[in-house]
Amino acid sequence: GTKVAVEIALMAADAGLIRTDEDVIAIGGSGKGADTALVLRPATSSHIFDLKVKEVICKPANL
């Protein structure tokens, strides 16, 4: 979920669909559905190390 949320934010920034100077909520998951939500400052894939995860809203526990 976390990897997918970050990848989606990178792809959206690359496509110009989200700004890179404002925080966004990115949601990711697996084949079972969306299970992770992150607050992050997006970046384009050419500046991947500028992407900053600010908060984990929810993430599944490994029970």
Protein backbone atom coordinates (compact mmCIF):
# COMPACT_ATOMS: atom_id res chain seq x y z
CA GLY A 1 0.00 0.00 0.00
CA THR A 2 2.69 2.52 0.91
CA LYS A 3 4.73 1.83 -2.22
CA VAL A 4 1.64 2.12 -4.40
CA ALA A 5 0.55 5.41 -2.79
CA VAL A 6 4.00 6.91 -3.40
CA GLU A 7 4.08 5.62 -7.00
CA ILE A 8 0.62 7.06 -7.70
CA ALA A 9 1.68 10.46 -6.37
CA LEU A 10 4.80 10.37 -8.58
CA MET A 11 2.76 9.45 -11.67
CA ALA A 12 0.15 12.14 -10.99
CA ALA A 13 2.88 14.77 -10.57
CA ASP A 14 4.58 13.59 -13.79
CA ALA A 15 1.26 13.99 -15.63
CA GLY A 16 0.74 17.48 -14.19
CA LEU A 17 -2.45 16.44 -12.40
CA ILE A 18 -1.25 17.55 -8.96
CA ARG A 19 0.98 20.38 -7.80
CA THR A 20 4.34 19.66 -6.22
CA ASP A 21 4.20 22.66 -3.87
CA GLU A 22 1.13 21.52 -1.91
CA ASP A 23 0.51 18.49 0.29
CA VAL A 24 -1.86 15.80 -1.01
CA ILE A 25 -3.44 12.61 0.30
CA ALA A 26 -2.36 9.55 -1.68
CA ILE A 27 -4.18 6.23 -1.32
CA GLY A 28 -2.79 2.82 -2.22
CA GLY A 29 -3.44 -0.81 -1.61
CA SER A 30 -3.19 -4.29 -3.04
CA GLY A 31 -5.41 -6.76 -4.85
CA LYS A 32 -7.65 -6.76 -1.78
CA GLY A 33 -8.42 -3.02 -2.04
CA ALA A 34 -7.20 0.35 -0.79
CA ASP A 35 -5.71 0.05 2.69
CA THR A 36 -3.12 2.82 3.05
CA ALA A 37 -3.46 6.61 3.06
CA LEU A 38 -0.53 9.04 3.26
CA VAL A 39 -0.23 12.81 3.50
CA LEU A 40 2.75 13.73 1.36
CA ARG A 41 4.44 16.49 -0.59
CA PRO A 42 4.59 15.08 -4.11
CA ALA A 43 7.45 15.32 -6.58
CA THR A 44 8.02 14.27 -10.16
CA SER A 45 9.86 11.02 -10.79
CA SER A 46 12.93 12.94 -11.98
CA HIS A 47 13.06 14.52 -8.48
CA ILE A 48 11.93 11.45 -6.52
CA PHE A 49 14.03 12.27 -3.46
CA ASP A 50 12.11 15.54 -3.03
CA LEU A 51 8.93 13.56 -2.25
CA LYS A 52 8.29 13.72 1.50
CA VAL A 53 5.84 11.58 3.45
CA LYS A 54 4.43 13.88 6.11
CA GLU A 55 1.87 11.63 7.84
CA VAL A 56 0.56 8.08 7.74
CA ILE A 57 -3.21 8.33 8.06
CA CYS A 58 -3.83 4.59 7.97
CA LYS A 59 -1.88 1.45 7.20
CA PRO A 60 -2.77 -2.20 7.78
CA ALA A 61 -1.32 -3.96 10.80
CA ASN A 62 0.51 -7.24 10.34
CA LEU A 63 -1.35 -9.34 12.90
